[in-house]
Amino acid sequence: SVFIYQLSVDGHSQTGIVAEIPVGEYRDGLVRKHEETRKEHEERLGHYLDSVGATSSPICLAYEGTNVIDGVVEELVKSEPMLDFDLPDGVQQRLWQVSNPAVLDKLVRGFADIRYTYLTDGHHRAASTLHHAASRHAQGKGEGPWDYLLTVLFPASELRVLPFNRCVRDLGELTPQTFLRKLEDDFTVETMPHDQAVLPSRQGQFLMLMEGYAATVTLRSQPQDPSPVKNLDVAILQDRVLAPVLGIEDARKDPRLDYVTGDSGIAGLMQRVREGWQLSIACYPTSMGELMAVADASEVMPPKSTCFDPKPRSGLFVRMS
């Protein structure tokens, strides 16, 4: 079955298509990824699929919208949904089943013109499905449901990307004043009281919060690196602040570094400062264009580069394999 699935919250709405795609598209690079996966996590999820034979969390993909697909979806959502309910956190979910063969054929023809899709959430689930399919084939089973991924495909233009902000446990031997001075070679630094702090308004800008200090820190000149990863704000923060100034070399494992989703805003970052974290950093969100450029270059984003909101919830769709 194919479904139209709409998520709405805080005035934002995104409408996707829930469908199966061949896992071979992931294997062959037609589904483009931007994150590294951990082998042990892949294997654990693969064993789960081998044992349970079911998945209830669609993998999220983005695609560049087309008039054909957009037109079909716009018409379908004018009808009465088969499901319409709100979650406790305020996210409205609406669902339409696509059963008309002519409409299905139109969608299939529309997607035939799309060469690549982009993974936004579910890198480990996609990789583990590939392992699961290989396991089934090793058992002598031919093509079956294990050869397909349960996905929800959203137009890239409709996805809302929030930043993943950073918190640092301590400044080492630096005081807030000396820390900010060390940034002045690469950044302009404007300090202000906490109650005047504002979130970053453009690429290359960060808000830094410390006890008694707030500072807007803006990169003096944007890098022009041929690697799209090196031009990301989260990479600039790592390469020019966290590693050289604070000694945080491994953003994945250093216990001094933690992450806060962007939906908590300045209030969430200030709460971390009150809890004893000496530095909270608000980032400007990574764009879908930046994500696609990284994926097209077969590069890997730094950890916690993007936060997509709202996300499809588990349990609404169950697929047996």
Protein backbone atom coordinates (compact mmCIF):
# COMPACT_ATOMS: atom_id res chain seq x y z
CA SER A 1 0.00 0.00 0.00
CA VAL A 2 0.96 3.63 -0.52
CA PHE A 3 -0.11 6.38 1.87
CA ILE A 4 0.05 10.16 2.07
CA TYR A 5 1.28 11.14 5.54
CA GLN A 6 1.10 14.68 6.86
CA LEU A 7 2.73 16.04 10.03
CA SER A 8 1.83 19.51 11.32
CA VAL A 9 3.06 21.46 14.36
CA ASP A 10 3.58 25.12 15.30
CA GLY A 11 2.29 26.36 11.95
CA HIS A 12 4.64 24.08 10.00
CA SER A 13 3.34 21.26 7.81
CA GLN A 14 5.12 18.58 5.77
CA THR A 15 3.45 15.98 3.59
CA GLY A 16 5.21 12.78 2.57
CA ILE A 17 4.53 9.56 0.72
CA VAL A 18 4.84 6.28 2.59
CA ALA A 19 5.98 3.51 0.26
CA GLU A 20 8.42 0.64 -0.12
CA ILE A 21 11.56 1.05 -2.20
CA PRO A 22 14.10 -1.65 -3.15
CA VAL A 23 16.92 -1.94 -0.62
CA GLY A 24 19.20 -2.15 -3.67
CA GLU A 25 18.70 1.59 -4.16
CA TYR A 26 20.44 2.12 -0.82
CA ARG A 27 23.18 -0.40 -1.67
CA ASP A 28 23.83 1.19 -5.07
CA GLY A 29 24.00 4.78 -3.79
CA LEU A 30 20.72 6.02 -5.26
CA VAL A 31 19.67 6.68 -1.67
CA ARG A 32 22.39 9.07 -0.58
CA LYS A 33 23.62 9.20 3.00
CA HIS A 34 25.50 11.78 5.05
CA GLU A 35 26.23 9.95 8.32
CA GLU A 36 28.58 7.18 9.37
CA THR A 37 26.98 4.08 10.85
CA ARG A 38 28.39 1.92 13.61
CA LYS A 39 28.81 -1.73 12.67
CA GLU A 40 27.69 -3.05 16.07
CA HIS A 41 24.47 -1.01 15.86
CA GLU A 42 23.81 -2.23 12.31
CA GLU A 43 24.29 -5.85 13.41
CA ARG A 44 22.06 -5.44 16.47
CA LEU A 45 19.22 -4.04 14.37
CA GLY A 46 19.84 -6.71 11.74
CA HIS A 47 19.49 -9.46 14.37
CA TYR A 48 16.27 -7.82 15.53
CA LEU A 49 14.86 -7.95 11.99
CA ASP A 50 16.01 -11.56 11.59
CA SER A 51 14.22 -12.52 14.83
CA VAL A 52 11.07 -10.39 14.72
CA GLY A 53 10.59 -9.98 10.98
CA ALA A 54 8.84 -6.63 11.34
CA THR A 55 9.62 -2.93 11.31
CA SER A 56 7.42 -0.09 12.53
CA SER A 57 9.61 2.97 11.90
CA PRO A 58 9.79 4.29 8.33
CA ILE A 59 13.15 5.53 7.09
CA CYS A 60 12.92 9.21 6.17
CA LEU A 61 14.04 10.34 2.74
CA ALA A 62 14.05 13.75 1.07
CA TYR A 63 13.62 14.35 -2.64
CA GLU A 64 13.58 17.40 -4.88
CA GLY A 65 9.90 18.01 -5.50
CA THR A 66 8.35 17.86 -8.96
CA ASN A 67 5.14 19.36 -10.31
CA VAL A 68 3.76 15.90 -11.07
CA ILE A 69 4.19 14.53 -7.55
CA ASP A 70 3.25 17.81 -5.86
CA GLY A 71 0.06 18.01 -7.91
CA VAL A 72 -1.02 14.47 -7.02
CA VAL A 73 -0.40 15.03 -3.31
CA GLU A 74 -2.19 18.40 -3.29
CA GLU A 75 -5.30 16.79 -4.79
CA LEU A 76 -5.29 13.82 -2.44
CA VAL A 77 -5.07 15.87 0.77
CA LYS A 78 -8.26 17.74 -0.19
CA SER A 79 -10.21 14.55 0.59
CA GLU A 80 -11.18 13.24 4.02
CA PRO A 81 -8.21 11.52 5.74
CA MET A 82 -8.55 7.95 6.99
CA LEU A 83 -6.76 8.99 10.21
CA ASP A 84 -6.54 12.42 11.85
CA PHE A 85 -5.26 12.76 15.42
CA ASP A 86 -3.04 14.88 17.64
CA LEU A 87 -0.18 13.65 19.81
CA PRO A 88 0.33 14.94 23.37
CA ASP A 89 3.22 17.12 22.15
CA GLY A 90 0.91 18.92 19.72
CA VAL A 91 1.93 17.18 16.48
CA GLN A 92 -1.06 16.54 14.24
CA GLN A 93 -0.87 13.38 12.10
CA ARG A 94 -3.11 12.82 9.09
CA LEU A 95 -3.15 9.84 6.76
CA TRP A 96 -4.68 9.09 3.36
CA GLN A 97 -4.49 5.75 1.53
CA VAL A 98 -3.71 5.85 -2.19
CA SER A 99 -5.71 3.08 -3.85
CA ASN A 100 -6.67 4.46 -7.27
CA PRO A 101 -4.45 2.66 -9.86
CA ALA A 102 -4.30 5.73 -12.11
CA VAL A 103 -3.10 7.92 -9.22
CA LEU A 104 -0.55 5.30 -8.18
CA ASP A 105 0.73 5.14 -11.75
CA LYS A 106 1.10 8.92 -11.81
CA LEU A 107 3.18 8.82 -8.62
CA VAL A 108 5.37 6.03 -9.99
CA ARG A 109 5.98 8.02 -13.19
CA GLY A 110 6.74 11.12 -11.14
CA PHE A 111 9.38 9.34 -9.07
CA ALA A 112 10.92 7.81 -12.20
CA ASP A 113 12.25 11.31 -12.95
CA ILE A 114 13.97 11.57 -9.55
CA ARG A 115 17.49 10.15 -9.71
CA TYR A 116 18.49 10.40 -6.04
CA THR A 117 16.82 10.55 -2.65
CA TYR A 118 18.56 11.68 0.54
CA LEU A 119 18.49 9.97 3.91
CA THR A 120 17.48 12.38 6.65
CA ASP A 121 16.75 9.88 9.42
CA GLY A 122 17.31 6.13 9.66
CA HIS A 123 20.90 5.48 8.50
CA HIS A 124 21.29 2.48 10.81
CA ARG A 125 17.86 1.07 9.94
CA ALA A 126 18.67 1.25 6.22
CA ALA A 127 22.04 -0.46 6.69
CA SER A 128 20.53 -3.16 8.92
CA THR A 129 17.82 -3.90 6.33
CA LEU A 130 20.62 -4.58 3.84
CA HIS A 131 22.14 -7.06 6.34
CA HIS A 132 18.72 -8.62 6.91
CA ALA A 133 18.19 -9.14 3.18
CA ALA A 134 21.64 -10.74 2.85
CA SER A 135 20.82 -13.05 5.77
CA ARG A 136 17.58 -14.18 4.13
CA HIS A 137 19.33 -14.80 0.82
CA ALA A 138 22.07 -16.81 2.60
CA GLN A 139 19.28 -19.04 3.93
CA GLY A 140 18.36 -19.84 0.35
CA LYS A 141 15.35 -17.56 0.19
CA GLY A 142 14.76 -15.64 -3.00
CA GLU A 143 13.37 -12.16 -3.42
CA GLY A 144 10.91 -11.22 -0.71
CA PRO A 145 9.71 -8.41 1.54
CA TRP A 146 13.19 -8.26 3.12
CA ASP A 147 14.43 -6.74 -0.14
CA TYR A 148 12.48 -3.52 0.45
CA LEU A 149 12.74 -0.53 2.77
CA LEU A 150 9.74 1.02 4.51
CA THR A 151 10.18 4.73 3.77
CA VAL A 152 8.44 8.07 3.97
CA LEU A 153 9.55 10.46 1.23
CA PHE A 154 9.22 14.20 1.86
CA PRO A 155 9.92 17.08 -0.54
CA ALA A 156 13.18 18.62 0.65
CA SER A 157 11.63 22.10 0.59
CA GLU A 158 9.04 21.11 3.21
CA LEU A 159 11.41 19.72 5.83
CA ARG A 160 12.11 21.82 8.90
CA VAL A 161 15.73 21.59 10.03
CA LEU A 162 16.58 22.74 13.55
CA PRO A 163 20.13 23.18 14.83
CA PHE A 164 21.85 20.80 17.20
CA ASN A 165 23.38 23.13 19.78
CA ARG A 166 26.46 22.37 21.89
CA CYS A 167 27.22 22.51 25.61
CA VAL A 168 30.74 22.36 27.08
CA ARG A 169 31.29 21.17 30.63
CA ASP A 170 34.31 23.41 31.33
CA LEU A 171 36.67 25.89 29.67
CA GLY A 172 39.80 24.15 30.92
CA GLU A 173 42.16 26.74 32.33
CA LEU A 174 40.46 29.62 30.51
CA THR A 175 38.18 32.23 32.01
CA PRO A 176 35.17 33.42 29.97
CA GLN A 177 37.10 36.59 29.12
CA THR A 178 40.26 34.83 27.92
CA PHE A 179 38.18 32.29 26.01
CA LEU A 180 36.40 35.03 24.05
CA ARG A 181 39.69 36.84 23.39
CA LYS A 182 41.13 33.68 21.83
CA LEU A 183 38.31 33.72 19.28
CA GLU A 184 39.03 37.20 17.97
CA ASP A 185 41.50 36.14 15.26
CA ASP A 186 38.77 34.28 13.36
CA PHE A 187 35.59 35.88 14.70
CA THR A 188 34.10 39.20 15.67
CA VAL A 189 32.85 39.03 19.26
CA GLU A 190 30.00 41.18 20.58
CA THR A 191 29.12 40.70 24.25
CA MET A 192 25.78 41.54 25.83
CA PRO A 193 23.68 40.71 28.93
CA HIS A 194 21.81 37.40 28.88
CA ASP A 195 18.45 39.16 28.47
CA GLN A 196 19.64 40.73 25.19
CA ALA A 197 20.92 37.48 23.66
CA VAL A 198 19.45 36.46 20.30
CA LEU A 199 19.81 33.27 18.27
CA PRO A 200 22.16 33.28 15.25
CA SER A 201 20.57 34.96 12.23
CA ARG A 202 22.89 33.71 9.48
CA GLN A 203 25.51 31.18 8.49
CA GLY A 204 28.84 31.62 10.27
CA GLN A 205 27.27 33.09 13.40
CA PHE A 206 27.03 31.55 16.89
CA LEU A 207 25.53 32.60 20.21
CA MET A 208 27.70 31.71 23.21
CA LEU A 209 26.27 31.72 26.72
CA MET A 210 28.33 31.59 29.92
CA GLU A 211 27.69 32.57 33.51
CA GLY A 212 27.46 36.36 33.44
CA TYR A 213 28.18 36.58 29.69
CA ALA A 214 26.43 36.28 26.36
CA ALA A 215 28.24 36.85 23.08
CA THR A 216 27.35 36.86 19.41
CA VAL A 217 30.37 35.37 17.64
CA THR A 218 30.54 35.87 13.86
CA LEU A 219 33.06 34.37 11.46
CA ARG A 220 35.14 37.11 9.80
CA SER A 221 35.23 35.37 6.40
CA GLN A 222 33.40 32.29 5.17
CA PRO A 223 35.68 29.38 4.19
CA GLN A 224 35.80 28.44 0.52
CA ASP A 225 36.90 24.86 1.02
CA PRO A 226 36.26 22.42 -1.86
CA SER A 227 34.91 19.99 0.74
CA PRO A 228 31.26 20.83 1.52
CA VAL A 229 31.73 19.42 5.03
CA LYS A 230 34.44 21.94 5.91
CA ASN A 231 32.07 24.80 5.07
CA LEU A 232 29.39 23.68 7.56
CA ASP A 233 28.94 25.82 10.66
CA VAL A 234 29.23 22.76 12.91
CA ALA A 235 32.56 21.90 11.26
CA ILE A 236 33.80 25.49 11.62
CA LEU A 237 32.85 25.39 15.30
CA GLN A 238 34.73 22.12 15.77
CA ASP A 239 37.80 23.11 13.73
CA ARG A 240 38.21 26.68 15.01
CA VAL A 241 36.81 26.63 18.55
CA LEU A 242 36.18 23.27 20.17
CA ALA A 243 39.40 21.54 19.09
CA PRO A 244 42.06 24.30 19.05
CA VAL A 245 40.77 26.49 21.89
CA LEU A 246 39.06 24.01 24.23
CA GLY A 247 40.94 20.81 23.41
CA ILE A 248 37.84 18.83 22.40
CA GLU A 249 39.33 16.75 19.58
CA ASP A 250 36.73 13.96 19.36
CA ALA A 251 33.22 15.38 19.14
CA ARG A 252 31.72 11.89 19.34
CA LYS A 253 33.35 10.68 22.53
CA ASP A 254 34.58 13.62 24.62
CA PRO A 255 32.53 13.67 27.87
CA ARG A 256 33.02 17.44 28.12
CA LEU A 257 30.74 17.94 25.10
CA ASP A 258 26.97 17.45 24.98
CA TYR A 259 24.21 18.30 22.52
CA VAL A 260 20.86 20.07 22.87
CA THR A 261 18.18 20.07 20.18
CA GLY A 262 17.31 23.47 18.76
CA ASP A 263 13.66 23.34 19.81
CA SER A 264 14.69 24.25 23.38
CA GLY A 265 15.94 27.66 22.22
CA ILE A 266 17.93 30.07 24.38
CA ALA A 267 15.99 28.98 27.48
CA GLY A 268 17.24 25.40 27.13
CA LEU A 269 20.83 26.54 26.72
CA MET A 270 20.60 28.88 29.72
CA GLN A 271 19.25 25.99 31.79
CA ARG A 272 22.43 24.06 31.00
CA VAL A 273 24.53 27.01 32.21
CA ARG A 274 22.53 27.08 35.45
CA GLU A 275 23.17 23.34 35.82
CA GLY A 276 26.92 23.93 35.76
CA TRP A 277 27.89 23.66 32.09
CA GLN A 278 30.33 26.52 31.56
CA LEU A 279 29.50 27.18 27.90
CA SER A 280 26.37 26.76 25.76
CA ILE A 281 26.59 27.41 22.02
CA ALA A 282 23.64 28.03 19.70
CA CYS A 283 24.33 27.25 16.03
CA TYR A 284 22.62 28.39 12.85
CA PRO A 285 20.76 25.40 11.36
CA THR A 286 22.33 23.33 8.59
CA SER A 287 20.29 23.70 5.39
CA MET A 288 18.91 20.91 3.22
CA GLY A 289 21.10 22.23 0.40
CA GLU A 290 24.20 21.76 2.57
CA LEU A 291 23.10 18.24 3.53
CA MET A 292 22.55 17.31 -0.11
CA ALA A 293 25.93 18.74 -1.13
CA VAL A 294 27.66 16.61 1.51
CA ALA A 295 25.75 13.49 0.43
CA ASP A 296 26.43 14.15 -3.27
CA ALA A 297 30.16 14.40 -2.47
CA SER A 298 29.98 11.07 -0.55
CA GLU A 299 31.25 12.86 2.55
CA VAL A 300 30.17 12.49 6.17
CA MET A 301 28.75 15.22 8.37
CA PRO A 302 30.08 15.80 11.89
CA PRO A 303 27.96 14.20 14.63
CA LYS A 304 24.70 15.97 15.50
CA SER A 305 24.71 18.29 12.49
CA THR A 306 20.97 18.28 11.85
CA CYS A 307 17.76 17.92 13.81
CA PHE A 308 14.62 17.31 11.75
CA ASP A 309 11.35 18.27 13.41
CA PRO A 310 8.73 16.93 13.44
CA LYS A 311 9.74 13.31 12.89
CA PRO A 312 7.44 10.46 11.83
CA ARG A 313 6.45 8.36 14.82
CA SER A 314 6.92 4.65 15.26
CA GLY A 315 3.93 2.31 15.27
CA LEU A 316 1.63 3.97 12.77
CA PHE A 317 2.99 1.76 9.98
CA VAL A 318 4.03 -1.87 10.50
CA ARG A 319 5.72 -3.84 7.76
CA MET A 320 6.36 -7.58 7.99
CA SER A 321 9.52 -9.03 6.47
